Amino acid sequence: MALDRRDFVKSLVASVAAPSVASAMPDPSQQHAPATVHAPRKQKKPNVVLMICDDLGYGDLHCYGSNLPTPNLDKMAEHGQRFIHYNSAHPICSASRAGLLTGRYGLRMNTTGAFGPNSRTGTSLDETLMSNLFKDRGYKTKAIGKWHLGNSGPYLPTARGFDAFFGVPYSVDMNPLPLLRDETVLEANTDRTILTPRYTSEAVKYIEESNGDPFFLYMAFSYPHDPPMGSPRFHDKTGFGNQGDCIAEIDWSVGEVLQALERKGLTSDTLVIFTSDHGPWYQGSPGLLRGRKATSFEGGFRVPFIARWPGTLDADKVRKEWVSALDVLPTLAAICNLPLPAKPLDGINMEGVLYGHGTMPERKPLLYFCAMGNGGLDVHCIRKEHWKLRVAQGIEGEIYLNDRTTGARSSAWLRVPELYNVELDMAESYDVAHLHPEIVHELMASLEEQMPSFPPNVVAEYTALKQRKGDWSTPAGASPRPDHEKIPPTSYTPPYRQAP
């Protein structure tokens, strides 16, 4: 499936029946602390290419265990670093991207889920995006692909630190789907089947026309979000259906971008990152993880993360350190000598981890918010290192339903919190809360300490959530049963699931 540039151009010209592109996307007290160990600085500012997929799962790439061939991403991992404990900032689109681009929880900035075509607002305008930081340091900046942080002028990329934008304002399942260049609509409802090759052509052109100034390229693929689609050239090529075909086309696109950097002589001057906004939706693979997109299980949060920078980062390394999307901004700020935002960050500088030196910096436990019900405002989990405490659970659509679940579309507070060691138990199959009461107590205390720092509406929903309790009889890992329900005489409930 490898295509050279000439074949790609021929394929694009033959398949695009649309106007041409030419005429026509931490702890606040520690955020300023330097990394434990710094790699030797190069005289030239590094370029940064940040590629992010929409709904790509932890198990969707060959180098993460899939049988779907992804040779270019496998090669990128071989020549770079593959992280196996990287979490997105949120399990749904807009909030995840806001967290990545700001280093702060989306719930701090009016971004609790996914903005739709009729949304009148977007990510709060007083937030600083990493594009702002790069631009302030003299970088050229461009966004290509899916945006999803607001659809109108002041919320679009060109108003938020990007010199240029080519892409769509939101997800491919939303209609109509306009194609924009900067703030100009090129096509009122674009052809979804050719988005990936068009994004690729735009990225390759941008790299080839770079004039020596450092650049930040944010390339946000629209796939494999449902409905998955590949271009005609990739249709039925993988044997894994539409989902596999569009992932294979993304892999091809990554190869085209890397080859463009090589032709331009920029390989050793460019840090390239590839990741996903969160786990897979209906199709795709979370690997051995439990849960999918929109859930607070690992399958909704843990995704691939590959970083390549030849001559600077060690090659063929598997990183086991726990890293969050919230850490990307402070880490890039340290690497590229960017100013930090004025607002306190929720992520921390992981530069030392990326370089493979030093110790893990300390961080506050991270919170897992859920997108199922209640406008995405409910917190479900808090995590410190490998310990993940579940304090609430969705009651519709997330996990196995039982015969006595609550009926409202929301979450319920667990009378007995659940504790999982996600390093040893990545599928969150074994609740060990009763074995480690001290960890439960520590994380509960941290949750109570952190919640007042969020906006009033988030705090109010947290207070309401704690009053919306599930019953003591709820099994670990189940949807919460109604509080104070009368248990049928034919059901056996062990003493440890009965009210004290």
Protein backbone atom coordinates (compact mmCIF):
# COMPACT_ATOMS: atom_id res chain seq x y z
CA MET A 1 0.00 0.00 0.00
CA ALA A 2 3.04 2.31 -0.03
CA LEU A 3 2.50 5.15 -2.52
CA ASP A 4 5.14 7.47 -3.88
CA ARG A 5 4.35 11.15 -4.22
CA ARG A 6 3.75 10.98 -7.97
CA ASP A 7 1.22 8.16 -7.62
CA PHE A 8 -0.47 10.02 -4.81
CA VAL A 9 -0.91 13.17 -6.91
CA LYS A 10 -2.29 11.15 -9.82
CA SER A 11 -4.67 9.33 -7.48
CA LEU A 12 -5.87 12.55 -5.91
CA VAL A 13 -6.47 14.29 -9.23
CA ALA A 14 -8.36 11.27 -10.53
CA SER A 15 -10.54 10.82 -7.45
CA VAL A 16 -11.35 14.37 -6.38
CA ALA A 17 -14.45 15.72 -8.07
CA ALA A 18 -14.37 18.89 -5.99
CA PRO A 19 -12.82 22.37 -6.19
CA SER A 20 -9.06 22.30 -5.93
CA VAL A 21 -7.41 22.92 -2.62
CA ALA A 22 -5.57 25.89 -4.08
CA SER A 23 -8.83 27.63 -4.94
CA ALA A 24 -10.66 26.83 -2.42
CA MET A 25 -7.34 22.23 10.44
CA PRO A 26 0.46 19.95 37.37
CA ASP A 27 0.48 20.86 40.11
CA PRO A 28 0.52 24.67 39.75
CA SER A 29 3.38 25.01 42.21
CA GLN A 30 5.55 22.73 40.07
CA GLN A 31 4.69 23.83 36.55
CA HIS A 32 7.59 26.26 36.27
CA ALA A 33 10.12 23.81 37.67
CA PRO A 34 12.83 22.74 35.19
CA ALA A 35 13.04 19.15 34.03
CA THR A 36 15.23 16.84 36.09
CA VAL A 37 17.64 16.30 33.20
CA HIS A 38 17.90 18.22 29.96
CA ALA A 39 19.20 16.84 26.68
CA PRO A 40 21.94 18.89 25.01
CA ARG A 41 20.39 21.87 23.27
CA LYS A 42 20.74 22.26 19.54
CA GLN A 43 21.41 25.74 18.20
CA LYS A 44 18.43 25.56 15.86
CA LYS A 45 14.91 25.64 17.24
CA PRO A 46 13.30 22.24 16.57
CA ASN A 47 10.26 21.95 14.36
CA VAL A 48 7.30 20.11 15.90
CA VAL A 49 4.76 18.01 14.00
CA LEU A 50 1.92 16.89 16.26
CA MET A 51 -0.40 14.35 14.64
CA ILE A 52 -3.60 13.28 16.39
CA CYS A 53 -6.23 10.79 15.23
CA ASP A 54 -9.94 10.80 16.01
CA ASP A 55 -11.06 7.68 17.92
CA LEU A 56 -7.95 5.55 17.27
CA GLY A 57 -7.80 2.80 19.89
CA TYR A 58 -4.90 1.50 21.96
CA GLY A 59 -4.97 -1.78 20.03
CA ASP A 60 -5.42 -0.40 16.50
CA LEU A 61 -1.76 -0.23 15.45
CA HIS A 62 0.43 -3.19 14.56
CA CYS A 63 3.16 -2.00 16.93
CA TYR A 64 0.56 -2.05 19.73
CA GLY A 65 -0.52 -5.62 19.00
CA SER A 66 -2.95 -5.33 16.10
CA ASN A 67 -2.97 -7.65 13.09
CA LEU A 68 -3.75 -4.64 10.93
CA PRO A 69 -0.57 -3.67 9.03
CA THR A 70 0.68 -0.18 9.91
CA PRO A 71 4.23 -0.26 8.51
CA ASN A 72 4.97 3.48 8.62
CA LEU A 73 3.91 3.89 12.23
CA ASP A 74 5.79 0.70 13.13
CA LYS A 75 8.88 2.22 11.53
CA MET A 76 8.30 5.50 13.34
CA ALA A 77 8.19 3.58 16.63
CA GLU A 78 11.31 1.65 15.66
CA HIS A 79 13.16 4.90 15.02
CA GLY A 80 11.62 6.61 18.04
CA GLN A 81 9.79 5.86 21.26
CA ARG A 82 6.52 4.06 21.90
CA PHE A 83 4.67 4.87 25.12
CA ILE A 84 2.43 2.14 26.56
CA HIS A 85 0.97 4.12 29.48
CA TYR A 86 -0.18 7.32 27.78
CA ASN A 87 -3.63 8.68 28.63
CA SER A 88 -5.71 11.22 26.77
CA ALA A 89 -7.06 14.23 28.65
CA HIS A 90 -10.71 13.18 28.28
CA PRO A 91 -12.68 10.36 26.64
CA ILE A 92 -14.52 12.55 24.12
CA CYS A 93 -13.42 14.84 21.31
CA SER A 94 -13.52 18.54 22.17
CA ALA A 95 -12.60 18.18 25.82
CA SER A 96 -9.70 15.91 24.93
CA ARG A 97 -8.25 18.31 22.35
CA ALA A 98 -8.70 21.27 24.66
CA GLY A 99 -6.69 19.41 27.31
CA LEU A 100 -3.94 18.52 24.86
CA LEU A 101 -3.57 22.04 23.47
CA THR A 102 -3.76 23.86 26.83
CA GLY A 103 -2.32 21.44 29.41
CA ARG A 104 -5.49 21.97 31.47
CA TYR A 105 -8.69 19.99 31.97
CA GLY A 106 -11.29 20.91 29.39
CA LEU A 107 -13.83 21.34 32.18
CA ARG A 108 -11.91 24.42 33.29
CA MET A 109 -12.65 26.14 29.95
CA ASN A 110 -16.26 25.48 28.95
CA THR A 111 -15.28 22.27 27.13
CA THR A 112 -17.02 19.33 28.73
CA GLY A 113 -17.75 17.10 25.74
CA ALA A 114 -18.05 17.71 21.99
CA PHE A 115 -19.17 20.92 20.28
CA GLY A 116 -21.79 20.39 17.57
CA PRO A 117 -22.54 22.24 14.32
CA ASN A 118 -24.98 24.52 16.14
CA SER A 119 -22.68 25.37 19.04
CA ARG A 120 -22.40 29.11 19.55
CA THR A 121 -19.31 28.97 21.75
CA GLY A 122 -16.09 27.00 22.02
CA THR A 123 -13.08 26.58 24.25
CA SER A 124 -12.85 29.70 26.41
CA LEU A 125 -11.13 32.55 24.63
CA ASP A 126 -9.03 33.50 27.66
CA GLU A 127 -7.17 30.17 27.49
CA THR A 128 -3.66 29.97 26.03
CA LEU A 129 -3.13 27.23 23.44
CA MET A 130 0.27 25.77 22.60
CA SER A 131 -0.11 27.39 19.17
CA ASN A 132 -0.07 30.77 20.94
CA LEU A 133 3.16 29.80 22.72
CA PHE A 134 4.86 28.70 19.51
CA LYS A 135 3.78 31.82 17.64
CA ASP A 136 5.03 34.07 20.43
CA ARG A 137 8.47 32.46 20.06
CA GLY A 138 8.64 33.17 16.33
CA TYR A 139 7.42 29.81 15.03
CA LYS A 140 5.31 29.49 11.91
CA THR A 141 2.13 27.68 12.87
CA LYS A 142 -0.45 25.74 10.88
CA ALA A 143 -3.46 23.55 11.75
CA ILE A 144 -4.67 20.89 9.31
CA GLY A 145 -7.68 18.62 9.72
CA LYS A 146 -10.34 18.43 12.40
CA TRP A 147 -10.53 21.38 14.81
CA HIS A 148 -13.55 20.90 17.14
CA LEU A 149 -12.85 23.71 19.62
CA GLY A 150 -15.46 26.09 18.24
CA ASN A 151 -17.03 26.79 14.86
CA SER A 152 -17.21 30.58 14.61
CA GLY A 153 -14.59 33.23 13.91
CA PRO A 154 -13.10 33.94 17.37
CA TYR A 155 -12.90 30.20 18.15
CA LEU A 156 -11.31 29.06 14.88
CA PRO A 157 -7.58 28.20 14.65
CA THR A 158 -6.51 31.43 12.93
CA ALA A 159 -7.80 33.37 15.95
CA ARG A 160 -6.00 31.05 18.36
CA GLY A 161 -2.34 31.19 17.45
CA PHE A 162 -2.31 29.46 14.06
CA ASP A 163 -1.15 31.40 11.01
CA ALA A 164 -3.21 29.19 8.73
CA PHE A 165 -5.88 26.48 8.81
CA PHE A 166 -7.11 23.91 6.31
CA GLY A 167 -9.71 21.46 7.52
CA VAL A 168 -13.14 20.93 9.02
CA PRO A 169 -14.62 22.45 12.19
CA TYR A 170 -15.87 19.22 13.81
CA SER A 171 -16.39 15.46 13.43
CA VAL A 172 -17.26 13.54 10.26
CA ASP A 173 -20.53 12.28 11.76
CA MET A 174 -21.86 15.85 11.92
CA ASN A 175 -23.76 17.39 9.04
CA PRO A 176 -23.15 19.48 7.04
CA LEU A 177 -19.35 19.26 7.16
CA PRO A 178 -17.77 22.38 5.63
CA LEU A 179 -14.17 22.47 4.44
CA LEU A 180 -12.40 25.68 5.44
CA ARG A 181 -9.24 27.48 4.52
CA ASP A 182 -8.56 29.85 7.37
CA GLU A 183 -12.08 31.27 7.92
CA THR A 184 -13.30 30.90 4.33
CA VAL A 185 -15.67 28.07 3.47
CA LEU A 186 -14.34 26.25 0.41
CA GLU A 187 -17.04 23.58 0.30
CA ALA A 188 -20.33 23.71 2.20
CA ASN A 189 -20.44 19.92 2.66
CA THR A 190 -17.14 18.32 1.74
CA ASP A 191 -16.45 14.84 0.40
CA ARG A 192 -15.61 12.81 3.49
CA THR A 193 -13.96 9.98 1.55
CA ILE A 194 -10.97 12.08 0.49
CA LEU A 195 -10.23 14.05 3.66
CA THR A 196 -7.10 12.08 4.59
CA PRO A 197 -5.35 12.51 1.20
CA ARG A 198 -6.29 16.17 1.10
CA TYR A 199 -4.89 16.74 4.59
CA THR A 200 -1.76 14.87 3.53
CA SER A 201 -1.28 16.96 0.39
CA GLU A 202 -1.64 20.13 2.46
CA ALA A 203 0.90 18.95 5.06
CA VAL A 204 3.45 17.83 2.48
CA LYS A 205 3.14 21.14 0.66
CA TYR A 206 3.58 23.07 3.91
CA ILE A 207 6.76 21.18 4.75
CA GLU A 208 8.18 21.51 1.24
CA GLU A 209 7.54 25.24 1.21
CA SER A 210 9.07 25.85 4.64
CA ASN A 211 11.89 28.37 4.30
CA GLY A 212 14.07 27.56 7.28
CA ASP A 213 11.94 29.21 9.94
CA PRO A 214 10.94 26.80 12.73
CA PHE A 215 7.38 25.58 12.43
CA PHE A 216 4.66 23.93 14.49
CA LEU A 217 2.36 21.75 12.39
CA TYR A 218 -0.79 20.41 14.08
CA MET A 219 -2.24 17.66 11.89
CA ALA A 220 -5.55 16.32 13.17
CA PHE A 221 -6.92 13.38 11.18
CA SER A 222 -10.71 13.05 10.94
CA TYR A 223 -10.55 9.26 11.16
CA PRO A 224 -11.10 6.49 12.20
CA HIS A 225 -14.12 8.26 13.77
CA ASP A 226 -17.44 6.74 12.76
CA PRO A 227 -18.46 6.53 9.94
CA PRO A 228 -14.99 5.33 8.89
CA MET A 229 -14.05 6.05 5.29
CA GLY A 230 -10.95 5.69 3.18
CA SER A 231 -10.31 7.19 -0.23
CA PRO A 232 -11.00 5.08 -3.34
CA ARG A 233 -7.33 4.09 -3.48
CA PHE A 234 -7.63 2.35 -0.08
CA HIS A 235 -11.13 0.95 -0.40
CA ASP A 236 -11.21 -2.78 0.51
CA LYS A 237 -7.40 -2.97 0.61
CA THR A 238 -6.81 -4.32 4.12
CA GLY A 239 -9.37 -7.06 4.65
CA PHE A 240 -10.36 -5.25 7.86
CA GLY A 241 -13.29 -3.35 6.36
CA ASN A 242 -13.79 0.40 6.31
CA GLN A 243 -12.27 0.83 9.78
CA GLY A 244 -9.08 -0.96 8.79
CA ASP A 245 -8.89 0.82 5.44
CA CYS A 246 -9.03 4.32 6.94
CA ILE A 247 -6.42 3.40 9.58
CA ALA A 248 -4.17 2.08 6.80
CA GLU A 249 -4.61 5.37 4.96
CA ILE A 250 -3.63 7.29 8.08
CA ASP A 251 -0.52 5.10 8.29
CA TRP A 252 0.26 5.93 4.66
CA SER A 253 -0.24 9.64 5.41
CA VAL A 254 2.26 9.48 8.27
CA GLY A 255 4.76 7.94 5.87
CA GLU A 256 4.20 10.77 3.37
CA VAL A 257 4.80 13.41 6.04
CA LEU A 258 7.98 11.72 7.27
CA GLN A 259 9.27 11.40 3.70
CA ALA A 260 8.60 15.09 3.10
CA LEU A 261 10.70 15.96 6.15
CA GLU A 262 13.48 13.72 4.85
CA ARG A 263 13.43 15.24 1.35
CA LYS A 264 13.60 18.69 2.91
CA GLY A 265 16.54 17.66 5.13
CA LEU A 266 14.53 18.32 8.31
CA THR A 267 14.41 14.86 9.85
CA SER A 268 16.98 15.51 12.56
CA ASP A 269 15.53 18.97 13.23
CA THR A 270 11.94 17.85 13.79
CA LEU A 271 10.18 16.24 16.73
CA VAL A 272 7.24 14.22 15.38
CA ILE A 273 4.48 12.99 17.70
CA PHE A 274 1.61 10.68 16.80
CA THR A 275 -1.33 9.96 19.10
CA SER A 276 -5.13 9.81 19.41
CA ASP A 277 -7.69 11.97 21.17
CA HIS A 278 -9.18 8.98 23.08
CA GLY A 279 -10.22 5.37 22.63
CA PRO A 280 -12.29 3.78 19.84
CA TRP A 281 -16.04 4.14 19.43
CA TYR A 282 -18.17 1.37 17.92
CA GLN A 283 -15.42 -0.25 15.86
CA GLY A 284 -11.67 -0.36 16.38
CA SER A 285 -9.72 -1.99 19.17
CA PRO A 286 -8.95 -0.91 22.74
CA GLY A 287 -6.61 -3.92 22.95
CA LEU A 288 -6.92 -5.71 26.28
CA LEU A 289 -8.33 -2.61 27.95
CA ARG A 290 -11.84 -2.36 29.32
CA GLY A 291 -14.19 0.26 27.91
CA ARG A 292 -14.29 2.49 24.86
CA LYS A 293 -14.73 6.11 23.90
CA ALA A 294 -16.76 8.23 26.34
CA THR A 295 -16.10 5.88 29.25
CA SER A 296 -13.79 6.41 32.20
CA PHE A 297 -12.29 2.94 31.80
CA GLU A 298 -8.78 2.63 30.39
CA GLY A 299 -10.16 1.79 26.95
CA GLY A 300 -11.56 5.30 26.78
CA PHE A 301 -8.37 7.02 27.95
CA ARG A 302 -5.27 4.97 27.10
CA VAL A 303 -4.15 5.44 23.49
CA PRO A 304 -1.01 5.12 21.35
CA PHE A 305 1.71 7.74 21.68
CA ILE A 306 4.82 7.62 19.48
CA ALA A 307 7.58 10.24 19.46
CA ARG A 308 10.43 10.41 16.94
CA TRP A 309 13.37 12.81 16.81
CA PRO A 310 16.43 11.14 15.25
CA GLY A 311 19.71 12.15 16.80
CA THR A 312 18.05 13.51 19.93
CA LEU A 313 15.68 10.85 21.28
CA ASP A 314 16.78 7.25 21.75
CA ALA A 315 15.44 4.92 19.08
CA ASP A 316 13.46 1.69 19.46
CA LYS A 317 12.47 2.40 23.04
CA VAL A 318 9.32 1.31 24.83
CA ARG A 319 8.51 3.81 27.55
CA LYS A 320 6.56 2.45 30.52
CA GLU A 321 6.22 5.73 32.39
CA TRP A 322 2.70 7.06 32.86
CA VAL A 323 2.21 10.19 30.74
CA SER A 324 -0.89 12.27 30.08
CA ALA A 325 -1.98 14.43 27.17
CA LEU A 326 -2.03 17.24 29.72
CA ASP A 327 1.77 16.92 29.86
CA VAL A 328 2.36 17.61 26.16
CA LEU A 329 2.19 21.40 26.37
CA PRO A 330 4.57 21.83 29.35
CA THR A 331 6.93 19.26 27.84
CA LEU A 332 7.06 20.98 24.44
CA ALA A 333 7.44 24.31 26.19
CA ALA A 334 10.56 23.00 27.94
CA ILE A 335 12.01 21.41 24.80
CA CYS A 336 11.37 24.42 22.55
CA ASN A 337 12.01 27.11 25.16
CA LEU A 338 8.46 28.45 25.00
CA PRO A 339 6.87 30.72 27.62
CA LEU A 340 4.36 28.99 29.85
CA PRO A 341 0.74 30.16 30.10
CA ALA A 342 -0.22 32.42 32.96
CA LYS A 343 -2.90 30.04 34.21
CA PRO A 344 -1.81 27.05 36.33
CA LEU A 345 -1.39 23.82 34.38
CA ASP A 346 -2.76 20.37 35.22
CA GLY A 347 0.02 18.69 33.22
CA ILE A 348 3.70 18.56 34.10
CA ASN A 349 7.00 18.71 32.22
CA MET A 350 7.94 15.18 31.10
CA GLU A 351 11.02 16.24 29.16
CA GLY A 352 13.27 14.02 31.29
CA VAL A 353 11.05 11.01 30.57
CA LEU A 354 11.12 11.71 26.85
CA TYR A 355 14.89 11.86 26.89
CA GLY A 356 15.04 8.74 29.04
CA HIS A 357 16.96 10.31 31.92
CA GLY A 358 16.24 11.21 35.49
CA THR A 359 13.29 10.29 37.65
CA MET A 360 9.58 10.74 37.21
CA PRO A 361 8.52 14.20 38.37
CA GLU A 362 5.84 14.32 41.03
CA ARG A 363 2.31 15.23 40.08
CA LYS A 364 -1.04 15.60 41.71
CA PRO A 365 -3.36 12.64 41.11
CA LEU A 366 -5.22 13.06 37.82
CA LEU A 367 -8.98 13.05 37.45
CA TYR A 368 -11.01 11.04 34.94
CA PHE A 369 -14.19 12.79 33.86
CA CYS A 370 -16.81 10.86 31.93
CA ALA A 371 -18.81 11.85 28.86
CA MET A 372 -21.82 9.62 29.43
CA GLY A 373 -24.76 11.70 30.63
CA ASN A 374 -25.03 14.89 32.67
CA GLY A 375 -23.24 16.98 30.07
CA GLY A 376 -19.87 15.38 30.75
CA LEU A 377 -19.57 17.05 34.14
CA ASP A 378 -19.30 13.95 36.33
CA VAL A 379 -15.96 12.81 37.70
CA HIS A 380 -15.62 9.03 37.90
CA CYS A 381 -12.02 8.26 38.85
CA ILE A 382 -8.84 9.64 40.33
CA ARG A 383 -5.45 8.14 39.61
CA LYS A 384 -2.04 8.28 41.26
CA GLU A 385 0.74 6.36 39.53
CA HIS A 386 -0.63 2.85 38.94
CA TRP A 387 -3.54 3.20 41.37
CA LYS A 388 -6.90 4.16 39.90
CA LEU A 389 -9.82 4.75 42.25
CA ARG A 390 -13.36 4.60 40.85
CA VAL A 391 -15.75 6.69 42.95
CA ALA A 392 -18.71 6.89 40.54
CA GLN A 393 -20.05 4.95 37.62
CA GLY A 394 -22.29 5.66 34.68
CA ILE A 395 -25.65 3.95 34.77
CA GLU A 396 -26.34 3.73 31.07
CA GLY A 397 -24.31 2.57 28.12
CA GLU A 398 -20.88 2.14 29.67
CA ILE A 399 -20.71 -1.39 31.00
CA TYR A 400 -22.76 -4.50 31.58
CA LEU A 401 -26.24 -3.65 32.77
CA ASN A 402 -27.89 -5.81 35.36
CA ASP A 403 -31.51 -6.38 36.20
CA ARG A 404 -31.78 -3.68 38.82
CA THR A 405 -29.94 -0.66 37.44
CA THR A 406 -31.05 2.89 38.02
CA GLY A 407 -33.05 4.42 35.21
CA ALA A 408 -31.86 8.01 34.86
CA ARG A 409 -29.22 9.02 32.33
CA SER A 410 -26.43 10.04 34.63
CA SER A 411 -23.84 8.68 37.01
CA ALA A 412 -24.16 7.40 40.54
CA TRP A 413 -21.78 7.63 43.47
CA LEU A 414 -20.45 4.25 44.55
CA ARG A 415 -21.12 3.45 48.20
CA VAL A 416 -17.99 1.30 48.10
CA PRO A 417 -15.26 2.80 45.88
CA GLU A 418 -13.27 0.46 43.66
CA LEU A 419 -9.47 0.42 43.41
CA TYR A 420 -7.53 -0.99 40.46
CA ASN A 421 -3.83 -1.45 39.80
CA VAL A 422 -3.82 -0.54 36.12
CA GLU A 423 -0.19 -1.53 35.66
CA LEU A 424 -0.83 -5.14 36.69
CA ASP A 425 -4.52 -5.16 35.76
CA MET A 426 -4.92 -3.12 32.59
CA ALA A 427 -8.44 -4.53 32.01
CA GLU A 428 -9.62 -3.24 35.41
CA SER A 429 -10.86 -6.70 36.32
CA TYR A 430 -9.87 -6.99 39.98
CA ASP A 431 -11.08 -4.56 42.63
CA VAL A 432 -8.52 -4.47 45.47
CA ALA A 433 -9.90 -1.58 47.51
CA HIS A 434 -10.28 -3.68 50.66
CA LEU A 435 -6.59 -4.62 50.47
CA HIS A 436 -5.35 -1.03 50.33
CA PRO A 437 -7.59 1.20 52.46
CA GLU A 438 -4.78 3.71 52.89
CA ILE A 439 -4.62 4.28 49.11
CA VAL A 440 -8.39 4.69 48.96
CA HIS A 441 -8.27 7.24 51.76
CA GLU A 442 -5.41 9.17 50.16
CA LEU A 443 -7.09 9.40 46.77
CA MET A 444 -10.47 10.32 48.20
CA ALA A 445 -8.81 13.13 50.13
CA SER A 446 -7.03 14.37 47.00
CA LEU A 447 -10.30 14.38 45.06
CA GLU A 448 -11.97 16.50 47.73
CA GLU A 449 -8.99 18.84 47.76
CA GLN A 450 -8.89 19.32 43.98
CA MET A 451 -12.56 19.73 43.09
CA PRO A 452 -12.98 23.28 44.49
CA SER A 453 -10.45 24.49 41.91
CA PHE A 454 -12.94 23.83 39.08
CA PRO A 455 -15.63 26.24 37.85
CA PRO A 456 -18.79 26.55 40.00
CA ASN A 457 -20.95 24.44 37.67
CA VAL A 458 -18.49 21.53 37.89
CA VAL A 459 -18.31 21.82 41.67
CA ALA A 460 -22.10 21.93 41.92
CA GLU A 461 -22.45 18.77 39.83
CA TYR A 462 -19.84 17.03 41.97
CA THR A 463 -21.86 17.87 45.09
CA ALA A 464 -25.01 16.55 43.43
CA LEU A 465 -23.23 13.40 42.26
CA LYS A 466 -22.25 12.49 45.81
CA GLN A 467 -25.91 12.62 46.79
CA ARG A 468 -26.93 10.41 43.87
CA LYS A 469 -25.75 7.21 45.48
CA GLY A 470 -25.91 3.68 44.22
CA ASP A 471 -27.01 0.89 46.53
CA TRP A 472 -24.63 -1.02 48.78
CA SER A 473 -25.58 -4.21 46.92
CA THR A 474 -23.96 -3.04 43.66
CA PRO A 475 -21.22 -5.50 42.63
CA ALA A 476 -17.81 -4.08 41.83
CA GLY A 477 -17.67 -3.19 38.15
CA ALA A 478 -21.45 -3.15 37.69
CA SER A 479 -23.78 -0.33 36.86
CA PRO A 480 -25.02 1.09 40.18
CA ARG A 481 -28.22 -0.35 41.54
CA PRO A 482 -30.89 2.02 42.89
CA ASP A 483 -30.24 3.24 46.40
CA HIS A 484 -32.18 1.55 49.21
CA GLU A 485 -33.86 -0.87 46.85
CA LYS A 486 -35.62 -3.90 48.21
CA ILE A 487 -33.54 -6.91 47.23
CA PRO A 488 -35.65 -9.79 45.90
CA PRO A 489 -35.75 -12.76 48.29
CA THR A 490 -34.36 -14.96 45.52
CA SER A 491 -31.16 -12.90 45.33
CA TYR A 492 -28.24 -13.59 47.63
CA THR A 493 -26.23 -10.59 48.76
CA PRO A 494 -23.05 -11.31 50.76
CA PRO A 495 -22.46 -9.43 54.00
CA TYR A 496 -19.81 -7.16 52.51
CA ARG A 497 -22.42 -5.82 50.00
CA GLN A 498 -25.03 -5.05 52.63
CA ALA A 499 -25.55 -1.69 54.26
CA PRO A 500 -23.70 -1.37 57.58
